[in-house]
């Protein structure tokens, strides 16, 4: 079993609160509109959108995947942080035990922010072919 961590950072002139609202809180509304060629819809399967909720992202026929289910592990609206885990990825979970994300929006400059995202993938102990 191996863990692969990937860190990504980007800066924007948008405030942390607006980025958090758009990319985390309104993700289910904005994503299908902005990425309509690859994302068909995002449904709330369990919960109310807070920690513990489960969402399903449905892809279009153009995508090699049909859907992804994710669980929101932590949602901190005051500090603009979110942690979530892919709990079901059609066609991929036999290769990975888990895929989790830690996303943070921190102030940068006068009105901007830095988005810091860490993805941790844990490889399955045995890979089926």
Protein backbone atom coordinates (compact mmCIF):
# COMPACT_ATOMS: atom_id res chain seq x y z
CA UNK A 1 0.00 0.00 0.00
CA UNK A 2 1.34 3.42 -0.91
CA UNK A 3 0.18 6.98 -0.33
CA UNK A 4 0.55 9.59 -3.05
CA UNK A 5 0.05 13.23 -2.07
CA UNK A 6 -0.28 16.01 -4.59
CA UNK A 7 -0.30 19.67 -3.51
CA UNK A 8 -1.71 22.39 -5.74
CA UNK A 9 -1.80 26.12 -5.11
CA UNK A 10 -3.25 28.95 -7.14
CA UNK A 11 -3.76 32.66 -6.50
CA UNK A 12 -6.73 34.74 -7.54
CA UNK A 13 -7.96 38.30 -7.12
CA UNK A 14 -11.25 37.01 -5.70
CA UNK A 15 -11.81 37.05 -1.92
CA UNK A 16 -11.62 33.76 0.03
CA UNK A 17 -15.31 33.96 0.97
CA UNK A 18 -16.45 34.29 -2.67
CA UNK A 19 -14.15 31.50 -3.88
CA UNK A 20 -15.32 29.20 -1.07
CA UNK A 21 -18.96 29.94 -1.85
CA UNK A 22 -18.51 29.33 -5.59
CA UNK A 23 -16.20 26.30 -5.52
CA UNK A 24 -17.46 24.55 -2.38
CA UNK A 25 -20.94 25.69 -1.30
CA UNK A 26 -22.44 26.29 -4.79
CA UNK A 27 -20.37 23.61 -6.54
CA UNK A 28 -23.45 21.49 -7.29
CA UNK A 29 -25.13 24.38 -9.15
CA UNK A 30 -22.15 25.96 -10.92
CA UNK A 31 -20.20 22.90 -12.06
CA UNK A 32 -22.82 21.43 -14.44
CA UNK A 33 -23.34 24.90 -15.97
CA UNK A 34 -19.65 25.68 -16.42
CA UNK A 35 -18.50 22.15 -17.33
CA UNK A 36 -21.62 21.05 -19.24
CA UNK A 37 -19.66 18.97 -21.75
CA UNK A 38 -18.34 16.65 -19.03
CA UNK A 39 -20.59 17.00 -15.93
CA UNK A 40 -24.28 16.22 -16.32
CA UNK A 41 -25.46 16.85 -12.76
CA UNK A 42 -24.54 16.80 -9.07
CA UNK A 43 -27.07 15.32 -6.65
CA UNK A 44 -27.27 15.42 -2.87
CA UNK A 45 -27.89 11.79 -1.87
CA UNK A 46 -27.69 12.11 1.93
CA UNK A 47 -27.60 14.99 4.38
CA UNK A 48 -28.06 18.71 3.95
CA UNK A 49 -24.73 19.67 2.37
CA UNK A 50 -22.89 19.88 5.70
CA UNK A 51 -20.24 17.46 7.03
CA UNK A 52 -21.38 13.86 6.64
CA UNK A 53 -23.39 14.57 3.48
CA UNK A 54 -22.94 12.43 0.38
CA UNK A 55 -23.07 13.84 -3.16
CA UNK A 56 -22.99 12.10 -6.52
CA UNK A 57 -21.43 13.76 -9.57
CA UNK A 58 -22.85 12.34 -12.81
CA UNK A 59 -20.78 12.66 -15.97
CA UNK A 60 -21.87 12.98 -19.59
CA UNK A 61 -21.36 10.28 -22.19
CA UNK A 62 -18.16 12.09 -23.27
CA UNK A 63 -16.48 11.11 -19.99
CA UNK A 64 -14.85 7.72 -19.39
CA UNK A 65 -16.52 7.68 -15.93
CA UNK A 66 -20.26 7.47 -15.24
CA UNK A 67 -20.30 8.91 -11.73
CA UNK A 68 -18.34 9.71 -8.57
CA UNK A 69 -19.73 9.65 -5.03
CA UNK A 70 -18.10 11.85 -2.41
CA UNK A 71 -18.56 12.36 1.32
CA UNK A 72 -18.02 15.76 2.92
CA UNK A 73 -15.80 15.05 5.92
CA UNK A 74 -15.35 18.61 7.20
CA UNK A 75 -16.91 21.93 6.23
CA UNK A 76 -15.58 25.05 8.00
CA UNK A 77 -17.46 28.06 6.62
CA UNK A 78 -15.74 30.54 8.94
CA UNK A 79 -12.19 29.57 7.93
CA UNK A 80 -13.04 28.58 4.32
CA UNK A 81 -11.86 24.96 4.58
CA UNK A 82 -13.36 21.75 3.25
CA UNK A 83 -12.29 18.12 3.37
CA UNK A 84 -14.00 15.45 1.31
CA UNK A 85 -13.40 11.85 0.25
CA UNK A 86 -14.34 10.00 -2.91
CA UNK A 87 -16.16 6.95 -1.57
CA UNK A 88 -17.12 5.44 -4.91
CA UNK A 89 -15.53 6.03 -8.30
CA UNK A 90 -16.89 3.78 -11.00
CA UNK A 91 -13.99 1.93 -12.62
CA UNK A 92 -11.25 3.21 -10.30
CA UNK A 93 -11.77 2.06 -6.73
CA UNK A 94 -10.32 -1.39 -7.42
CA UNK A 95 -6.97 0.40 -7.88
CA UNK A 96 -7.25 2.81 -4.95
CA UNK A 97 -8.45 2.38 -1.37
CA UNK A 98 -9.32 6.06 -1.04
CA UNK A 99 -8.96 9.50 -2.57
CA UNK A 100 -9.33 12.48 -0.25
CA UNK A 101 -9.06 16.24 -0.71
CA UNK A 102 -8.26 19.06 1.69
CA UNK A 103 -9.16 22.47 0.21
CA UNK A 104 -8.39 25.82 1.89
CA UNK A 105 -8.89 29.42 0.78
CA UNK A 106 -6.58 31.89 2.53
CA UNK A 107 -6.37 35.69 2.18
CA UNK A 108 -3.73 37.00 -0.22
CA UNK A 109 -2.97 40.65 -0.82
CA UNK A 110 -5.71 43.24 -0.40
CA UNK A 111 -8.71 41.38 -1.87
CA UNK A 112 -7.37 38.11 -3.24
CA UNK A 113 -6.84 34.61 -1.99
CA UNK A 114 -4.64 31.56 -2.29
CA UNK A 115 -6.35 28.23 -2.83
CA UNK A 116 -4.37 25.35 -1.35
CA UNK A 117 -5.50 21.86 -2.27
CA UNK A 118 -3.98 18.56 -1.17
CA UNK A 119 -5.06 15.28 -2.72
CA UNK A 120 -4.10 12.06 -0.94
CA UNK A 121 -4.53 8.79 -2.83
CA UNK A 122 -4.01 5.50 -1.04
CA UNK A 123 -3.21 2.69 -3.42
CA UNK A 124 -4.97 -0.63 -2.95
CA UNK A 125 -2.89 -3.45 -1.49
CA UNK A 126 -3.62 -5.65 -4.49
CA UNK A 127 -4.46 -4.28 -7.87
CA UNK A 128 -6.87 -6.32 -9.94
CA UNK A 129 -6.35 -6.33 -13.68
